[in-house]
C-alpha atoms as a PDB file:
ATOM      1  CA  UNK A   1      -3.734  -4.824 -32.436  1.00  0.00           C
ATOM      2  CA  UNK A   2      -5.362  -5.254 -28.976  1.00  0.00           C
ATOM      3  CA  UNK A   3      -6.486  -2.381 -27.039  1.00  0.00           C
ATOM      4  CA  UNK A   4      -4.536  -0.933 -24.245  1.00  0.00           C
ATOM      5  CA  UNK A   5      -6.536  -0.973 -20.636  1.00  0.00           C
ATOM      6  CA  UNK A   6      -5.969   0.833 -17.936  1.00  0.00           C
ATOM      7  CA  UNK A   7      -7.251   0.289 -14.155  1.00  0.00           C
ATOM      8  CA  UNK A   8      -8.488   2.483 -11.839  1.00  0.00           C
ATOM      9  CA  UNK A   9      -9.200   1.848  -8.315  1.00  0.00           C
ATOM     10  CA  UNK A  10     -11.391   4.490  -6.372  1.00  0.00           C
ATOM     11  CA  UNK A  11      -9.936   4.217  -2.592  1.00  0.00           C
ATOM     12  CA  UNK A  12     -10.222   7.877  -1.401  1.00  0.00           C
ATOM     13  CA  UNK A  13     -13.160   7.172   0.926  1.00  0.00           C
ATOM     14  CA  UNK A  14     -13.348   6.545   4.634  1.00  0.00           C
ATOM     15  CA  UNK A  15     -16.529   4.368   4.865  1.00  0.00           C
ATOM     16  CA  UNK A  16     -18.585   5.972   7.676  1.00  0.00           C
ATOM     17  CA  UNK A  17     -21.010   3.333   7.985  1.00  0.00           C
ATOM     18  CA  UNK A  18     -18.511   0.836   9.012  1.00  0.00           C
ATOM     19  CA  UNK A  19     -18.365   2.274  12.588  1.00  0.00           C
ATOM     20  CA  UNK A  20     -15.602   1.637  14.882  1.00  0.00           C
ATOM     21  CA  UNK A  21     -13.498   0.428  11.298  1.00  0.00           C
ATOM     22  CA  UNK A  22     -10.332   2.817  12.041  1.00  0.00           C
ATOM     23  CA  UNK A  23      -8.666   2.359   8.334  1.00  0.00           C
ATOM     24  CA  UNK A  24      -9.440   2.358   4.812  1.00  0.00           C
ATOM     25  CA  UNK A  25     -12.270  -0.224   3.618  1.00  0.00           C
ATOM     26  CA  UNK A  26      -9.860  -1.499   0.858  1.00  0.00           C
ATOM     27  CA  UNK A  27      -7.725  -2.730   3.561  1.00  0.00           C
ATOM     28  CA  UNK A  28     -10.178  -5.344   5.078  1.00  0.00           C
ATOM     29  CA  UNK A  29      -8.230  -8.761   5.257  1.00  0.00           C
ATOM     30  CA  UNK A  30      -9.784 -11.428   4.267  1.00  0.00           C
ATOM     31  CA  UNK A  31      -8.021 -14.678   2.897  1.00  0.00           C
ATOM     32  CA  UNK A  32      -4.815 -13.289   4.162  1.00  0.00           C
ATOM     33  CA  UNK A  33      -4.926 -10.706   1.638  1.00  0.00           C
ATOM     34  CA  UNK A  34      -6.453  -6.849   1.937  1.00  0.00           C
ATOM     35  CA  UNK A  35      -9.274  -6.385  -0.153  1.00  0.00           C
ATOM     36  CA  UNK A  36      -7.487  -3.797  -2.517  1.00  0.00           C
ATOM     37  CA  UNK A  37      -4.986  -6.974  -3.266  1.00  0.00           C
ATOM     38  CA  UNK A  38      -7.921  -9.034  -4.713  1.00  0.00           C
ATOM     39  CA  UNK A  39      -8.607  -6.360  -6.679  1.00  0.00           C
ATOM     40  CA  UNK A  40      -5.265  -5.718  -8.164  1.00  0.00           C
ATOM     41  CA  UNK A  41      -4.922  -9.477  -8.812  1.00  0.00           C
ATOM     42  CA  UNK A  42      -8.002  -9.772 -10.875  1.00  0.00           C
ATOM     43  CA  UNK A  43      -6.889  -6.980 -13.118  1.00  0.00           C
ATOM     44  CA  UNK A  44      -3.452  -8.852 -13.276  1.00  0.00           C
ATOM     45  CA  UNK A  45      -5.158 -12.347 -13.690  1.00  0.00           C
ATOM     46  CA  UNK A  46      -6.590 -10.065 -17.302  1.00  0.00           C
ATOM     47  CA  UNK A  47      -3.135  -8.713 -18.101  1.00  0.00           C
ATOM     48  CA  UNK A  48      -3.858  -5.371 -17.449  1.00  0.00           C
ATOM     49  CA  UNK A  49      -0.730  -4.048 -15.262  1.00  0.00           C
ATOM     50  CA  UNK A  50      -1.254  -0.307 -15.641  1.00  0.00           C
ATOM     51  CA  UNK A  51      -3.172   0.140 -12.108  1.00  0.00           C
ATOM     52  CA  UNK A  52      -3.644   3.656 -10.680  1.00  0.00           C
ATOM     53  CA  UNK A  53      -5.177   4.057  -6.997  1.00  0.00           C
ATOM     54  CA  UNK A  54      -7.007   7.068  -6.068  1.00  0.00           C
ATOM     55  CA  UNK A  55      -6.188   7.452  -2.257  1.00  0.00           C
ATOM     56  CA  UNK A  56      -7.446   9.534   0.280  1.00  0.00           C
ATOM     57  CA  UNK A  57      -8.367   8.988   3.659  1.00  0.00           C
ATOM     58  CA  UNK A  58      -5.000   7.440   5.505  1.00  0.00           C
ATOM     59  CA  UNK A  59      -3.574   7.524   2.128  1.00  0.00           C
ATOM     60  CA  UNK A  60      -0.003   6.904   3.482  1.00  0.00           C
ATOM     61  CA  UNK A  61      -1.560   3.244   5.510  1.00  0.00           C
ATOM     62  CA  UNK A  62      -2.708   2.160   1.989  1.00  0.00           C
ATOM     63  CA  UNK A  63       0.369   3.004  -0.066  1.00  0.00           C
ATOM     64  CA  UNK A  64       2.571   1.107   2.574  1.00  0.00           C
ATOM     65  CA  UNK A  65      -0.343  -2.164   2.501  1.00  0.00           C
ATOM     66  CA  UNK A  66       0.124  -2.372  -1.366  1.00  0.00           C
ATOM     67  CA  UNK A  67       3.632  -1.307  -1.572  1.00  0.00           C
ATOM     68  CA  UNK A  68       4.458  -5.229  -3.111  1.00  0.00           C
ATOM     69  CA  UNK A  69       2.431  -4.291  -6.011  1.00  0.00           C
ATOM     70  CA  UNK A  70       3.289  -2.313  -8.784  1.00  0.00           C
ATOM     71  CA  UNK A  71       0.594   0.394  -8.832  1.00  0.00           C
ATOM     72  CA  UNK A  72       0.323   4.272  -9.017  1.00  0.00           C
ATOM     73  CA  UNK A  73      -1.224   6.349  -6.747  1.00  0.00           C
ATOM     74  CA  UNK A  74      -3.054   9.786  -6.907  1.00  0.00           C
ATOM     75  CA  UNK A  75      -3.875  11.108  -3.722  1.00  0.00           C
ATOM     76  CA  UNK A  76      -7.173  13.272  -3.654  1.00  0.00           C
ATOM     77  CA  UNK A  77      -6.549  15.786  -0.798  1.00  0.00           C
ATOM     78  CA  UNK A  78     -10.618  16.818  -0.894  1.00  0.00           C
ATOM     79  CA  UNK A  79     -11.378  13.390   0.049  1.00  0.00           C
ATOM     80  CA  UNK A  80     -13.301  14.631   2.977  1.00  0.00           C
ATOM     81  CA  UNK A  81     -15.671  16.781   1.552  1.00  0.00           C
ATOM     82  CA  UNK A  82     -16.173  14.839  -2.133  1.00  0.00           C
ATOM     83  CA  UNK A  83     -17.746  11.738  -3.628  1.00  0.00           C
ATOM     84  CA  UNK A  84     -16.633   9.361  -5.762  1.00  0.00           C
ATOM     85  CA  UNK A  85     -16.796  11.317  -9.009  1.00  0.00           C
ATOM     86  CA  UNK A  86     -14.734  13.673  -7.761  1.00  0.00           C
ATOM     87  CA  UNK A  87     -12.187  10.952  -7.255  1.00  0.00           C
ATOM     88  CA  UNK A  88     -12.786   9.558 -10.894  1.00  0.00           C
ATOM     89  CA  UNK A  89     -11.831  13.446 -11.885  1.00  0.00           C
ATOM     90  CA  UNK A  90      -8.741  12.833 -10.331  1.00  0.00           C
ATOM     91  CA  UNK A  91      -7.638  10.391 -12.743  1.00  0.00           C
ATOM     92  CA  UNK A  92      -8.965  12.382 -15.720  1.00  0.00           C
ATOM     93  CA  UNK A  93      -5.611  12.104 -17.432  1.00  0.00           C
ATOM     94  CA  UNK A  94      -5.843   8.328 -17.473  1.00  0.00           C
ATOM     95  CA  UNK A  95      -8.939   8.224 -18.780  1.00  0.00           C
ATOM     96  CA  UNK A  96      -8.398  10.735 -21.806  1.00  0.00           C
ATOM     97  CA  UNK A  97      -5.532   8.105 -22.700  1.00  0.00           C
ATOM     98  CA  UNK A  98      -6.811   4.770 -23.235  1.00  0.00           C
ATOM     99  CA  UNK A  99      -9.840   2.244 -22.242  1.00  0.00           C
ATOM    100  CA  UNK A 100     -10.226   2.078 -18.665  1.00  0.00           C
ATOM    101  CA  UNK A 101     -12.025  -0.261 -16.053  1.00  0.00           C
ATOM    102  CA  UNK A 102     -12.857   1.178 -12.828  1.00  0.00           C
ATOM    103  CA  UNK A 103     -13.277  -0.581  -9.584  1.00  0.00           C
ATOM    104  CA  UNK A 104     -14.426   0.305  -6.018  1.00  0.00           C
ATOM    105  CA  UNK A 105     -11.908  -0.662  -3.676  1.00  0.00           C
ATOM    106  CA  UNK A 106     -14.275  -2.005  -0.750  1.00  0.00           C
ATOM    107  CA  UNK A 107     -15.875  -5.323  -2.937  1.00  0.00           C
ATOM    108  CA  UNK A 108     -14.707  -8.613  -3.462  1.00  0.00           C
ATOM    109  CA  UNK A 109     -15.350 -10.213  -6.855  1.00  0.00           C
ATOM    110  CA  UNK A 110     -13.763 -12.767  -9.394  1.00  0.00           C
ATOM    111  CA  UNK A 111     -11.718 -11.965 -12.257  1.00  0.00           C
ATOM    112  CA  UNK A 112     -14.503 -12.934 -14.699  1.00  0.00           C
ATOM    113  CA  UNK A 113     -15.977  -9.566 -13.936  1.00  0.00           C
ATOM    114  CA  UNK A 114     -12.679  -7.747 -15.259  1.00  0.00           C
ATOM    115  CA  UNK A 115     -12.852  -9.873 -18.121  1.00  0.00           C
ATOM    116  CA  UNK A 116     -16.586  -9.302 -19.064  1.00  0.00           C
ATOM    117  CA  UNK A 117     -15.672  -5.538 -19.133  1.00  0.00           C
ATOM    118  CA  UNK A 118     -12.297  -6.076 -21.238  1.00  0.00           C
ATOM    119  CA  UNK A 119     -14.639  -7.769 -23.947  1.00  0.00           C
ATOM    120  CA  UNK A 120     -16.764  -4.961 -23.957  1.00  0.00           C
ATOM    121  CA  UNK A 121     -17.301  -3.114 -27.194  1.00  0.00           C
ATOM    122  CA  UNK A 122     -19.168  -0.063 -25.633  1.00  0.00           C
ATOM    123  CA  UNK A 123     -18.570   3.550 -24.525  1.00  0.00           C
ATOM    124  CA  UNK A 124     -19.538   2.779 -21.343  1.00  0.00           C
ATOM    125  CA  UNK A 125     -20.472  -0.721 -19.426  1.00  0.00           C
ATOM    126  CA  UNK A 126     -20.911  -1.805 -16.274  1.00  0.00           C
ATOM    127  CA  UNK A 127     -21.118  -5.168 -14.425  1.00  0.00           C
ATOM    128  CA  UNK A 128     -24.578  -6.306 -13.202  1.00  0.00           C
ATOM    129  CA  UNK A 129     -24.725  -8.816 -10.422  1.00  0.00           C
ATOM    130  CA  UNK A 130     -27.472 -11.112 -11.389  1.00  0.00           C
ATOM    131  CA  UNK A 131     -27.740 -12.653  -8.112  1.00  0.00           C
ATOM    132  CA  UNK A 132     -28.540  -9.848  -6.274  1.00  0.00           C
ATOM    133  CA  UNK A 133     -31.726 -10.498  -4.239  1.00  0.00           C
ATOM    134  CA  UNK A 134     -30.461 -13.257  -2.447  1.00  0.00           C
ATOM    135  CA  UNK A 135     -27.555 -11.537  -1.506  1.00  0.00           C
ATOM    136  CA  UNK A 136     -29.681  -8.665  -0.068  1.00  0.00           C
ATOM    137  CA  UNK A 137     -32.268 -10.608   1.421  1.00  0.00           C
ATOM    138  CA  UNK A 138     -29.317 -12.173   3.660  1.00  0.00           C
ATOM    139  CA  UNK A 139     -28.177  -8.931   4.124  1.00  0.00           C
ATOM    140  CA  UNK A 140     -30.852  -6.826   5.257  1.00  0.00           C
ATOM    141  CA  UNK A 141     -34.416  -7.659   7.057  1.00  0.00           C
ATOM    142  CA  UNK A 142     -36.352  -5.171   4.284  1.00  0.00           C
ATOM    143  CA  UNK A 143     -34.294  -5.144   1.268  1.00  0.00           C
ATOM    144  CA  UNK A 144     -35.662  -2.359  -0.526  1.00  0.00           C
ATOM    145  CA  UNK A 145     -34.611   0.071   2.147  1.00  0.00           C
ATOM    146  CA  UNK A 146     -30.750  -0.023   0.810  1.00  0.00           C
ATOM    147  CA  UNK A 147     -31.516  -1.159  -2.726  1.00  0.00           C
ATOM    148  CA  UNK A 148     -31.391   1.095  -5.399  1.00  0.00           C
ATOM    149  CA  UNK A 149     -33.166   1.102  -9.078  1.00  0.00           C
ATOM    150  CA  UNK A 150     -31.799  -0.826 -11.742  1.00  0.00           C
ATOM    151  CA  UNK A 151     -33.954  -0.484 -15.080  1.00  0.00           C
ATOM    152  CA  UNK A 152     -32.921  -1.860 -18.730  1.00  0.00           C
ATOM    153  CA  UNK A 153     -34.275  -2.347 -21.695  1.00  0.00           C
ATOM    154  CA  UNK A 154     -34.869  -5.120 -24.192  1.00  0.00           C
ATOM    155  CA  UNK A 155     -31.266  -5.075 -25.183  1.00  0.00           C
ATOM    156  CA  UNK A 156     -29.467  -4.628 -21.946  1.00  0.00           C
ATOM    157  CA  UNK A 157     -28.904  -1.099 -21.951  1.00  0.00           C
ATOM    158  CA  UNK A 158     -29.436   0.737 -18.620  1.00  0.00           C
ATOM    159  CA  UNK A 159     -32.549   3.280 -18.649  1.00  0.00           C
ATOM    160  CA  UNK A 160     -32.437   4.453 -15.013  1.00  0.00           C
ATOM    161  CA  UNK A 161     -30.130   3.650 -11.857  1.00  0.00           C
ATOM    162  CA  UNK A 162     -29.391   4.784  -8.802  1.00  0.00           C
ATOM    163  CA  UNK A 163     -32.706   5.936  -7.415  1.00  0.00           C
ATOM    164  CA  UNK A 164     -35.125   4.870  -4.507  1.00  0.00           C
ATOM    165  CA  UNK A 165     -37.076   2.151  -6.094  1.00  0.00           C
ATOM    166  CA  UNK A 166     -40.505   1.180  -4.269  1.00  0.00           C
ATOM    167  CA  UNK A 167     -41.057  -2.326  -5.902  1.00  0.00           C
ATOM    168  CA  UNK A 168     -38.941  -5.224  -6.977  1.00  0.00           C
ATOM    169  CA  UNK A 169     -39.665  -4.747 -10.720  1.00  0.00           C
ATOM    170  CA  UNK A 170     -37.788  -1.599 -10.715  1.00  0.00           C
ATOM    171  CA  UNK A 171     -34.676  -3.561 -10.384  1.00  0.00           C
ATOM    172  CA  UNK A 172     -33.228  -5.633 -12.575  1.00  0.00           C
ATOM    173  CA  UNK A 173     -29.647  -5.954 -11.650  1.00  0.00           C
ATOM    174  CA  UNK A 174     -27.191  -4.724  -9.293  1.00  0.00           C
ATOM    175  CA  UNK A 175     -24.634  -2.214  -9.508  1.00  0.00           C
ATOM    176  CA  UNK A 176     -21.475  -3.536  -8.437  1.00  0.00           C
ATOM    177  CA  UNK A 177     -19.001  -0.390  -8.323  1.00  0.00           C
ATOM    178  CA  UNK A 178     -17.054  -1.807 -11.393  1.00  0.00           C
ATOM    179  CA  UNK A 179     -17.677  -0.152 -14.850  1.00  0.00           C
ATOM    180  CA  UNK A 180     -15.655   0.210 -17.961  1.00  0.00           C
ATOM    181  CA  UNK A 181     -14.870   3.594 -19.968  1.00  0.00           C
ATOM    182  CA  UNK A 182     -13.825   4.128 -23.405  1.00  0.00           C
ATOM    183  CA  UNK A 183     -11.669   7.359 -24.089  1.00  0.00           C
ATOM    184  CA  UNK A 184     -14.749   8.455 -25.918  1.00  0.00           C
ATOM    185  CA  UNK A 185     -17.097   7.616 -23.258  1.00  0.00           C
ATOM    186  CA  UNK A 186     -15.575   9.943 -21.044  1.00  0.00           C
ATOM    187  CA  UNK A 187     -15.371  12.831 -23.289  1.00  0.00           C
ATOM    188  CA  UNK A 188     -18.975  12.584 -23.735  1.00  0.00           C
ATOM    189  CA  UNK A 189     -19.806  11.928 -19.753  1.00  0.00           C
ATOM    190  CA  UNK A 190     -17.498  15.261 -18.603  1.00  0.00           C
ATOM    191  CA  UNK A 191     -19.008  17.223 -21.300  1.00  0.00           C
ATOM    192  CA  UNK A 192     -22.486  16.817 -20.292  1.00  0.00           C
ATOM    193  CA  UNK A 193     -21.306  17.289 -16.433  1.00  0.00           C
ATOM    194  CA  UNK A 194     -19.683  20.388 -16.830  1.00  0.00           C
ATOM    195  CA  UNK A 195     -22.200  22.094 -19.682  1.00  0.00           C
ATOM    196  CA  UNK A 196     -24.829  21.448 -16.855  1.00  0.00           C
ATOM    197  CA  UNK A 197     -23.013  23.327 -14.022  1.00  0.00           C
ATOM    198  CA  UNK A 198     -23.373  20.175 -11.511  1.00  0.00           C
ATOM    199  CA  UNK A 199     -22.027  20.452  -8.121  1.00  0.00           C
ATOM    200  CA  UNK A 200     -19.275  18.025  -8.911  1.00  0.00           C
ATOM    201  CA  UNK A 201     -17.789  17.502  -5.186  1.00  0.00           C
ATOM    202  CA  UNK A 202     -21.351  16.133  -4.275  1.00  0.00           C
ATOM    203  CA  UNK A 203     -21.538  13.396  -7.195  1.00  0.00           C
ATOM    204  CA  UNK A 204     -22.016   9.746  -6.689  1.00  0.00           C
ATOM    205  CA  UNK A 205     -20.973   7.666  -9.723  1.00  0.00           C
ATOM    206  CA  UNK A 206     -24.649   6.357 -10.060  1.00  0.00           C
ATOM    207  CA  UNK A 207     -26.306   9.918  -9.983  1.00  0.00           C
ATOM    208  CA  UNK A 208     -23.762  10.594 -13.003  1.00  0.00           C
ATOM    209  CA  UNK A 209     -24.779   7.778 -14.811  1.00  0.00           C
ATOM    210  CA  UNK A 210     -28.145   8.205 -14.201  1.00  0.00           C
ATOM    211  CA  UNK A 211     -27.852  11.895 -15.416  1.00  0.00           C
ATOM    212  CA  UNK A 212     -25.923  10.865 -18.326  1.00  0.00           C
ATOM    213  CA  UNK A 213     -28.535   8.229 -19.487  1.00  0.00           C
ATOM    214  CA  UNK A 214     -30.895  10.733 -19.468  1.00  0.00           C
ATOM    215  CA  UNK A 215     -28.972  12.809 -21.712  1.00  0.00           C
ATOM    216  CA  UNK A 216     -29.086   9.781 -24.239  1.00  0.00           C
ATOM    217  CA  UNK A 217     -25.628   8.305 -23.558  1.00  0.00           C
ATOM    218  CA  UNK A 218     -25.973   4.538 -24.022  1.00  0.00           C
ATOM    219  CA  UNK A 219     -24.731   2.388 -21.023  1.00  0.00           C
ATOM    220  CA  UNK A 220     -25.068  -1.340 -21.372  1.00  0.00           C
ATOM    221  CA  UNK A 221     -25.297  -3.646 -18.660  1.00  0.00           C
ATOM    222  CA  UNK A 222     -23.292  -6.826 -18.525  1.00  0.00           C
ATOM    223  CA  UNK A 223     -24.399  -9.788 -16.430  1.00  0.00           C
ATOM    224  CA  UNK A 224     -21.935 -11.058 -13.639  1.00  0.00           C
ATOM    225  CA  UNK A 225     -23.478 -14.096 -11.590  1.00  0.00           C
ATOM    226  CA  UNK A 226     -19.618 -15.118  -9.735  1.00  0.00           C
ATOM    227  CA  UNK A 227     -19.130 -14.667  -6.340  1.00  0.00           C
ATOM    228  CA  UNK A 228     -19.624 -10.724  -5.043  1.00  0.00           C
ATOM    229  CA  UNK A 229     -19.881  -8.629  -1.883  1.00  0.00           C
ATOM    230  CA  UNK A 230     -19.674  -5.227  -0.768  1.00  0.00           C
ATOM    231  CA  UNK A 231     -18.980  -3.707   2.484  1.00  0.00           C
ATOM    232  CA  UNK A 232     -20.940  -1.328   4.276  1.00  0.00           C
ATOM    233  CA  UNK A 233     -21.377  -2.409   7.975  1.00  0.00           C
ATOM    234  CA  UNK A 234     -20.216  -4.732  10.465  1.00  0.00           C
ATOM    235  CA  UNK A 235     -22.212  -7.684  10.100  1.00  0.00           C
ATOM    236  CA  UNK A 236     -21.334  -7.514   6.141  1.00  0.00           C
ATOM    237  CA  UNK A 237     -17.638  -8.222   7.480  1.00  0.00           C
ATOM    238  CA  UNK A 238     -18.790 -11.647   8.877  1.00  0.00           C
ATOM    239  CA  UNK A 239     -20.824 -12.746   5.911  1.00  0.00           C
ATOM    240  CA  UNK A 240     -17.866 -11.546   3.494  1.00  0.00           C
ATOM    241  CA  UNK A 241     -15.689 -14.313   5.581  1.00  0.00           C
ATOM    242  CA  UNK A 242     -18.192 -17.122   4.509  1.00  0.00           C
ATOM    243  CA  UNK A 243     -18.778 -16.127   1.180  1.00  0.00           C
ATOM    244  CA  UNK A 244     -14.834 -16.324   0.499  1.00  0.00           C
ATOM    245  CA  UNK A 245     -14.510 -19.392   2.212  1.00  0.00           C
ATOM    246  CA  UNK A 246     -17.450 -21.097   0.451  1.00  0.00           C
END
């Protein structure tokens, strides 16, 4: 019997680095569709229909924009003062129930990335963008200023993620904001985070992943090389359009 898979899209944040953009970044329109619509379609192409969106900033706009899609919504009322992990905690009931694939809402990628995670047999896994260096050279004059460490062992399990790298050899892939967690994996993560009395309001996803790795939780990096882009700055908007057209 095939495993039941849920989808969670994290769309609560404002996106402060994208100046003068007064709506959720998930509502950036490319190819006549919102980014979040591309993501929803990626899940549906993989026959994943139980989709939950965690909203926050201008949630009514977001709900209205995707009203044609059959998705559920969870409102993070603390979105102004919390980070991504808090939004993920809002979907605790979903994560406790079944294997879940989680996606940020301000990224563009192909449905193959979902398929890679869907077939994962690991408790925690994430897609690693293999063409990160080419992409970051287009986005930044000095990529190391924005890139994060991504170290893996010989079996492609992550040994470090999300820290400030000093050299390119500390980067063996790129965290995309797309990952999968089994029920058992979620139980492990919650146990570690809450037993160490961390401030859950300020935790980024990469900080959580790096912390649980140090507590011996195995996280598999699964290579992905198709189209990928994330939107943080105005320059990214122009580049995203070109990439999709290409």
